[in-house]
Amino acid sequence: MSLTLLVDLDHLLATPIYDASRCSIGFHPLHTFIPIGIYLIACFIPKIRLIGIGLMVHMVLDSVDCQLTNGVWFT
């Protein structure tokens, strides 16, 4: 499950790479709603369930971070 942190590699495509006021949900390509839907479906496929769960936990934590730092759930 820790390998699901590699989903954050899409942050390297942004300019600037790090912006403290930016919400990653809805901004970075692997943090948009279509991939999140795929991650959710993966939670129900036995062979990739742990990957799906890890990715969904990651997205939930990123959403909470958006709420705590910017007061929004997504961009």
N, C-alpha and C. Protein backbone atom coordinates (compact mmCIF):
# COMPACT_ATOMS: atom_id res chain seq x y z
N MET A 1 0.82 -1.20 0.00
CA MET A 1 0.00 0.00 0.00
C MET A 1 0.86 1.26 0.00
N SER A 2 2.04 1.18 0.57
CA SER A 2 2.89 2.38 0.60
C SER A 2 3.33 2.81 -0.80
N LEU A 3 3.34 1.88 -1.74
CA LEU A 3 3.70 2.24 -3.12
C LEU A 3 2.66 3.14 -3.78
N THR A 4 1.46 3.21 -3.20
CA THR A 4 0.44 4.09 -3.77
C THR A 4 0.82 5.57 -3.61
N LEU A 5 1.81 5.85 -2.81
CA LEU A 5 2.29 7.23 -2.70
C LEU A 5 2.92 7.70 -4.00
N LEU A 6 3.25 6.77 -4.89
CA LEU A 6 3.81 7.15 -6.20
C LEU A 6 2.81 7.94 -7.03
N VAL A 7 1.55 7.92 -6.64
CA VAL A 7 0.55 8.71 -7.35
C VAL A 7 0.90 10.21 -7.27
N ASP A 8 1.70 10.58 -6.30
CA ASP A 8 2.10 11.98 -6.16
C ASP A 8 3.16 12.41 -7.18
N LEU A 9 3.63 11.50 -8.00
CA LEU A 9 4.58 11.89 -9.05
C LEU A 9 3.96 12.88 -10.03
N ASP A 10 2.62 12.90 -10.11
CA ASP A 10 1.99 13.87 -11.01
C ASP A 10 2.17 15.31 -10.52
N HIS A 11 2.61 15.49 -9.30
CA HIS A 11 2.90 16.84 -8.80
C HIS A 11 4.09 17.45 -9.54
N LEU A 12 4.93 16.60 -10.11
CA LEU A 12 6.10 17.10 -10.85
C LEU A 12 5.71 17.79 -12.15
N LEU A 13 4.48 17.59 -12.61
CA LEU A 13 4.01 18.22 -13.85
C LEU A 13 3.53 19.65 -13.63
N ALA A 14 3.35 20.04 -12.38
CA ALA A 14 2.81 21.37 -12.07
C ALA A 14 3.93 22.41 -12.01
N THR A 15 3.55 23.64 -12.28
CA THR A 15 4.46 24.76 -12.15
C THR A 15 3.81 25.80 -11.25
N PRO A 16 4.37 26.13 -10.12
CA PRO A 16 5.54 25.52 -9.48
C PRO A 16 5.20 24.13 -8.96
N ILE A 17 6.21 23.32 -8.73
CA ILE A 17 5.98 21.95 -8.28
C ILE A 17 5.25 21.94 -6.95
N TYR A 18 5.60 22.83 -6.04
CA TYR A 18 4.93 22.90 -4.74
C TYR A 18 4.32 24.27 -4.56
N ASP A 19 3.07 24.30 -4.20
CA ASP A 19 2.38 25.54 -3.86
C ASP A 19 1.52 25.23 -2.64
N ALA A 20 1.85 25.82 -1.52
CA ALA A 20 1.18 25.51 -0.26
C ALA A 20 -0.31 25.80 -0.30
N SER A 21 -0.74 26.75 -1.12
CA SER A 21 -2.16 27.10 -1.16
C SER A 21 -2.94 26.33 -2.21
N ARG A 22 -2.29 25.42 -2.92
CA ARG A 22 -2.98 24.67 -3.99
C ARG A 22 -3.53 23.36 -3.44
N CYS A 23 -4.75 23.06 -3.84
CA CYS A 23 -5.38 21.80 -3.48
C CYS A 23 -5.09 20.80 -4.59
N SER A 24 -4.54 19.65 -4.24
CA SER A 24 -4.17 18.68 -5.27
C SER A 24 -5.38 17.97 -5.86
N ILE A 25 -6.46 17.83 -5.10
CA ILE A 25 -7.67 17.17 -5.62
C ILE A 25 -8.30 18.08 -6.68
N GLY A 26 -8.43 17.53 -7.87
CA GLY A 26 -9.01 18.29 -8.97
C GLY A 26 -7.98 19.09 -9.76
N PHE A 27 -6.74 19.13 -9.30
CA PHE A 27 -5.71 19.90 -10.00
C PHE A 27 -4.73 18.99 -10.72
N HIS A 28 -4.12 18.08 -10.01
CA HIS A 28 -3.14 17.17 -10.60
C HIS A 28 -3.85 16.05 -11.35
N PRO A 29 -3.30 15.58 -12.48
CA PRO A 29 -4.00 14.60 -13.33
C PRO A 29 -4.44 13.31 -12.61
N LEU A 30 -3.63 12.78 -11.74
CA LEU A 30 -4.01 11.55 -11.05
C LEU A 30 -4.85 11.80 -9.80
N HIS A 31 -5.20 13.06 -9.56
CA HIS A 31 -6.02 13.46 -8.42
C HIS A 31 -7.35 14.04 -8.90
N THR A 32 -7.75 13.75 -10.13
CA THR A 32 -9.03 14.24 -10.65
C THR A 32 -10.10 13.17 -10.46
N PHE A 33 -11.33 13.50 -10.81
CA PHE A 33 -12.46 12.64 -10.44
C PHE A 33 -12.54 11.35 -11.23
N ILE A 34 -12.13 11.32 -12.47
CA ILE A 34 -12.14 10.06 -13.24
C ILE A 34 -11.16 9.05 -12.64
N PRO A 35 -9.89 9.42 -12.42
CA PRO A 35 -8.99 8.45 -11.77
C PRO A 35 -9.47 8.05 -10.37
N ILE A 36 -10.06 8.97 -9.63
CA ILE A 36 -10.56 8.63 -8.29
C ILE A 36 -11.67 7.59 -8.41
N GLY A 37 -12.51 7.72 -9.43
CA GLY A 37 -13.54 6.70 -9.67
C GLY A 37 -12.94 5.34 -9.98
N ILE A 38 -11.86 5.34 -10.75
CA ILE A 38 -11.16 4.09 -11.06
C ILE A 38 -10.55 3.49 -9.79
N TYR A 39 -10.01 4.35 -8.92
CA TYR A 39 -9.44 3.86 -7.66
C TYR A 39 -10.54 3.23 -6.81
N LEU A 40 -11.73 3.84 -6.82
CA LEU A 40 -12.84 3.31 -6.05
C LEU A 40 -13.27 1.95 -6.58
N ILE A 41 -13.36 1.81 -7.89
CA ILE A 41 -13.71 0.52 -8.49
C ILE A 41 -12.65 -0.53 -8.15
N ALA A 42 -11.39 -0.13 -8.13
CA ALA A 42 -10.30 -1.06 -7.82
C ALA A 42 -10.43 -1.63 -6.41
N CYS A 43 -11.10 -0.91 -5.52
CA CYS A 43 -11.30 -1.40 -4.16
C CYS A 43 -12.14 -2.68 -4.13
N PHE A 44 -12.90 -2.94 -5.19
CA PHE A 44 -13.80 -4.09 -5.22
C PHE A 44 -13.28 -5.24 -6.09
N ILE A 45 -12.10 -5.08 -6.66
CA ILE A 45 -11.49 -6.14 -7.46
C ILE A 45 -10.45 -6.84 -6.59
N PRO A 46 -10.68 -8.11 -6.27
CA PRO A 46 -9.82 -8.79 -5.28
C PRO A 46 -8.32 -8.70 -5.54
N LYS A 47 -7.87 -8.84 -6.76
CA LYS A 47 -6.42 -8.87 -7.02
C LYS A 47 -5.75 -7.51 -6.84
N ILE A 48 -6.49 -6.42 -6.94
CA ILE A 48 -5.90 -5.08 -6.80
C ILE A 48 -6.56 -4.28 -5.68
N ARG A 49 -7.26 -4.98 -4.81
CA ARG A 49 -8.01 -4.31 -3.73
C ARG A 49 -7.11 -3.44 -2.85
N LEU A 50 -5.95 -3.95 -2.44
CA LEU A 50 -5.09 -3.17 -1.55
C LEU A 50 -4.58 -1.90 -2.23
N ILE A 51 -4.30 -1.98 -3.52
CA ILE A 51 -3.87 -0.79 -4.25
C ILE A 51 -5.01 0.23 -4.29
N GLY A 52 -6.22 -0.23 -4.59
CA GLY A 52 -7.38 0.66 -4.62
C GLY A 52 -7.63 1.31 -3.28
N ILE A 53 -7.54 0.53 -2.22
CA ILE A 53 -7.75 1.08 -0.87
C ILE A 53 -6.66 2.10 -0.54
N GLY A 54 -5.42 1.77 -0.87
CA GLY A 54 -4.32 2.71 -0.61
C GLY A 54 -4.51 4.02 -1.35
N LEU A 55 -4.94 3.94 -2.62
CA LEU A 55 -5.16 5.16 -3.40
C LEU A 55 -6.33 5.96 -2.86
N MET A 56 -7.39 5.28 -2.42
CA MET A 56 -8.54 6.01 -1.87
C MET A 56 -8.18 6.67 -0.53
N VAL A 57 -7.40 5.98 0.30
CA VAL A 57 -6.95 6.60 1.55
C VAL A 57 -6.13 7.85 1.23
N HIS A 58 -5.27 7.76 0.22
CA HIS A 58 -4.44 8.89 -0.19
C HIS A 58 -5.32 10.07 -0.62
N MET A 59 -6.35 9.79 -1.42
CA MET A 59 -7.24 10.86 -1.90
C MET A 59 -8.03 11.48 -0.76
N VAL A 60 -8.49 10.65 0.18
CA VAL A 60 -9.21 11.18 1.34
C VAL A 60 -8.30 12.09 2.17
N LEU A 61 -7.07 11.64 2.39
CA LEU A 61 -6.14 12.47 3.17
C LEU A 61 -5.82 13.78 2.44
N ASP A 62 -5.67 13.72 1.11
CA ASP A 62 -5.45 14.95 0.35
C ASP A 62 -6.66 15.88 0.44
N SER A 63 -7.87 15.31 0.44
CA SER A 63 -9.09 16.12 0.56
C SER A 63 -9.16 16.79 1.93
N VAL A 64 -8.81 16.05 2.96
CA VAL A 64 -8.80 16.62 4.31
C VAL A 64 -7.76 17.74 4.39
N ASP A 65 -6.61 17.54 3.76
CA ASP A 65 -5.57 18.58 3.73
C ASP A 65 -6.10 19.84 3.04
N CYS A 66 -6.83 19.67 1.95
CA CYS A 66 -7.41 20.82 1.25
C CYS A 66 -8.37 21.58 2.17
N GLN A 67 -9.19 20.82 2.90
CA GLN A 67 -10.15 21.44 3.80
C GLN A 67 -9.45 22.18 4.94
N LEU A 68 -8.43 21.58 5.50
CA LEU A 68 -7.76 22.20 6.64
C LEU A 68 -6.91 23.41 6.24
N THR A 69 -6.28 23.37 5.08
CA THR A 69 -5.39 24.47 4.70
C THR A 69 -6.10 25.56 3.91
N ASN A 70 -7.12 25.19 3.10
CA ASN A 70 -7.75 26.18 2.23
C ASN A 70 -9.24 26.36 2.48
N GLY A 71 -9.83 25.50 3.28
CA GLY A 71 -11.26 25.60 3.55
C GLY A 71 -12.13 25.07 2.42
N VAL A 72 -11.55 24.31 1.49
CA VAL A 72 -12.33 23.71 0.40
C VAL A 72 -12.00 22.22 0.34
N TRP A 73 -12.94 21.41 -0.18
CA TRP A 73 -12.70 19.98 -0.29
C TRP A 73 -11.98 19.63 -1.57
N PHE A 74 -12.14 20.41 -2.62
CA PHE A 74 -11.45 20.19 -3.90
C PHE A 74 -11.45 21.47 -4.68
N THR A 75 -10.57 21.52 -5.73
CA THR A 75 -10.44 22.72 -6.54
C THR A 75 -11.56 22.78 -7.55
